[in-house]
Structure formats: C-alpha cells, structure tokens
C-alpha atoms as a PDB file:
ATOM      1  CA  MET A   1      -0.148  -0.002  -0.096  1.00  0.00           C
ATOM      2  CA  ARG A   2       1.273   3.183  -0.843  1.00  0.00           C
ATOM      3  CA  SER A   3       1.935   5.706   2.103  1.00  0.00           C
ATOM      4  CA  PHE A   4       1.565   9.413   1.874  1.00  0.00           C
ATOM      5  CA  PHE A   5       1.620  12.385   4.680  1.00  0.00           C
ATOM      6  CA  LEU A   6      -0.194  15.369   5.185  1.00  0.00           C
ATOM      7  CA  LEU A   7       1.280  18.397   7.159  1.00  0.00           C
ATOM      8  CA  THR A   8      -1.053  20.374   8.632  1.00  0.00           C
ATOM      9  CA  LYS A   9      -1.437  22.690  11.602  1.00  0.00           C
ATOM     10  CA  PRO A  10      -4.404  23.286  13.803  1.00  0.00           C
ATOM     11  CA  HIS A  11      -7.166  25.863  12.615  1.00  0.00           C
ATOM     12  CA  CYS A  12      -6.063  25.362   9.187  1.00  0.00           C
ATOM     13  CA  PRO A  13      -8.916  25.584   6.777  1.00  0.00           C
ATOM     14  CA  LEU A  14      -7.182  25.030   3.394  1.00  0.00           C
ATOM     15  CA  CYS A  15      -5.740  21.799   5.361  1.00  0.00           C
ATOM     16  CA  THR A  16      -9.591  20.568   5.994  1.00  0.00           C
ATOM     17  CA  GLN A  17     -10.087  21.334   1.853  1.00  0.00           C
ATOM     18  CA  ALA A  18      -7.170  18.913   1.161  1.00  0.00           C
ATOM     19  CA  ILE A  19      -8.182  16.108   3.490  1.00  0.00           C
ATOM     20  CA  GLN A  20     -11.091  16.179   1.919  1.00  0.00           C
ATOM     21  CA  LEU A  21      -9.906  16.353  -1.754  1.00  0.00           C
ATOM     22  CA  ILE A  22      -7.401  13.265  -0.655  1.00  0.00           C
ATOM     23  CA  HIS A  23     -10.656  11.429   0.370  1.00  0.00           C
ATOM     24  CA  GLN A  24     -12.873  12.184  -2.757  1.00  0.00           C
ATOM     25  CA  SER A  25      -9.787  11.186  -5.004  1.00  0.00           C
ATOM     26  CA  PRO A  26     -11.211   8.126  -7.424  1.00  0.00           C
ATOM     27  CA  LEU A  27      -8.037   6.448  -6.456  1.00  0.00           C
ATOM     28  CA  ALA A  28      -7.642   2.439  -8.255  1.00  0.00           C
ATOM     29  CA  GLU A  29      -6.075   1.351  -4.937  1.00  0.00           C
ATOM     30  CA  PRO A  30      -6.398   2.486  -1.544  1.00  0.00           C
ATOM     31  CA  ILE A  31      -3.487   4.593   0.139  1.00  0.00           C
ATOM     32  CA  GLU A  32      -2.197   5.044   3.402  1.00  0.00           C
ATOM     33  CA  LEU A  33      -2.543   8.814   4.912  1.00  0.00           C
ATOM     34  CA  GLY A  34      -0.942   9.898   7.691  1.00  0.00           C
ATOM     35  CA  VAL A  35      -1.830  13.534   8.818  1.00  0.00           C
ATOM     36  CA  VAL A  36       1.100  15.225  10.811  1.00  0.00           C
ATOM     37  CA  ASP A  37       0.389  18.419  13.147  1.00  0.00           C
ATOM     38  CA  ILE A  38       3.499  20.623  12.266  1.00  0.00           C
ATOM     39  CA  SER A  39       2.915  22.680  15.483  1.00  0.00           C
ATOM     40  CA  ASP A  40       4.497  20.014  17.356  1.00  0.00           C
ATOM     41  CA  GLU A  41       7.929  20.096  15.617  1.00  0.00           C
ATOM     42  CA  PRO A  42       9.676  23.245  15.898  1.00  0.00           C
ATOM     43  CA  GLU A  43      11.695  22.186  12.580  1.00  0.00           C
ATOM     44  CA  LEU A  44       8.665  21.639  10.833  1.00  0.00           C
ATOM     45  CA  ILE A  45       7.226  24.787  11.802  1.00  0.00           C
ATOM     46  CA  GLU A  46      10.807  26.618  10.586  1.00  0.00           C
ATOM     47  CA  GLU A  47      10.146  24.469   7.087  1.00  0.00           C
ATOM     48  CA  TYR A  48       6.363  24.520   6.870  1.00  0.00           C
ATOM     49  CA  ALA A  49       4.552  27.351   8.670  1.00  0.00           C
ATOM     50  CA  THR A  50       3.578  29.192   5.795  1.00  0.00           C
ATOM     51  CA  LEU A  51       3.134  26.368   3.227  1.00  0.00           C
ATOM     52  CA  VAL A  52       1.033  23.890   4.799  1.00  0.00           C
ATOM     53  CA  PRO A  53      -1.110  22.057   3.589  1.00  0.00           C
ATOM     54  CA  VAL A  54       1.938  19.906   1.901  1.00  0.00           C
ATOM     55  CA  LEU A  55       1.394  16.235   0.672  1.00  0.00           C
ATOM     56  CA  ILE A  56       4.630  14.077   1.073  1.00  0.00           C
ATOM     57  CA  ARG A  57       4.794  10.880  -0.883  1.00  0.00           C
ATOM     58  CA  GLY A  58       6.519   8.272   1.146  1.00  0.00           C
ATOM     59  CA  ARG A  59       8.597   6.218  -1.197  1.00  0.00           C
ATOM     60  CA  ASP A  60      10.573   9.141  -2.555  1.00  0.00           C
ATOM     61  CA  ASP A  61       9.684  12.113  -0.121  1.00  0.00           C
ATOM     62  CA  ALA A  62       8.204  13.953  -2.898  1.00  0.00           C
ATOM     63  CA  GLU A  63       6.103  17.167  -1.969  1.00  0.00           C
ATOM     64  CA  MET A  64       2.894  18.605  -3.071  1.00  0.00           C
ATOM     65  CA  LYS A  65       2.128  22.260  -1.968  1.00  0.00           C
ATOM     66  CA  TRP A  66      -1.205  23.706  -2.091  1.00  0.00           C
ATOM     67  CA  PRO A  67      -3.014  24.665  -4.196  1.00  0.00           C
ATOM     68  CA  PHE A  68      -3.630  21.257  -5.940  1.00  0.00           C
ATOM     69  CA  ASP A  69      -6.458  20.391  -8.213  1.00  0.00           C
ATOM     70  CA  PRO A  70      -8.148  17.059  -8.275  1.00  0.00           C
ATOM     71  CA  ALA A  71      -6.238  16.055 -11.557  1.00  0.00           C
ATOM     72  CA  GLN A  72      -3.201  17.112  -9.777  1.00  0.00           C
ATOM     73  CA  LEU A  73      -3.464  15.400  -6.868  1.00  0.00           C
ATOM     74  CA  LEU A  74      -4.885  12.105  -8.633  1.00  0.00           C
ATOM     75  CA  GLU A  75      -1.930  12.304 -10.681  1.00  0.00           C
ATOM     76  CA  PHE A  76       0.482  12.776  -7.651  1.00  0.00           C
ATOM     77  CA  LEU A  77      -1.629   9.946  -5.605  1.00  0.00           C
ATOM     78  CA  GLU A  78      -1.203   7.340  -8.535  1.00  0.00           C
ATOM     79  CA  SER A  79       2.215   7.937  -9.371  1.00  0.00           C
END
C-alpha cells in the first residue's frame, strides 16, 4: 500500500479542504494517509509554517504543496 503524509496545523481551513479532496479522489487502489500536525515539531514549523497543507509521498519524499486541483492530486497519488 502506498503511503502519504499530509502536513497540517491547527485551525487550517486549507488543510481541511486538502483532506476532503484526498478522500474524494477516485483512486484505483487505497492509500495510507498519515496526518502530521507540524505545530508539535519546531523544525517542521520553521520549514512549512506558511506552506501547509503539504502532501508528501512516502516512497520518495516528493512534495505537493497547496494549492492542488483534483487532477493534479490524482496524478500525484497514483504516480
């Protein structure tokens, strides 16, 4: 199963939109999605505070930064 991580922070409406978009993606195979709250990690806050939500592909650490549309997201999730 392919794994992904979504970097988020509290009270982030864009993060909520990203999660909804991921759940609505018509994937051929299921994925494993970990949601990471960057507010607990100082080094992640420093790097991603103004960039969240960021989706990271587990196998190669490729990043997809917001905004992404459904077609871009599907391509990223299935590649």
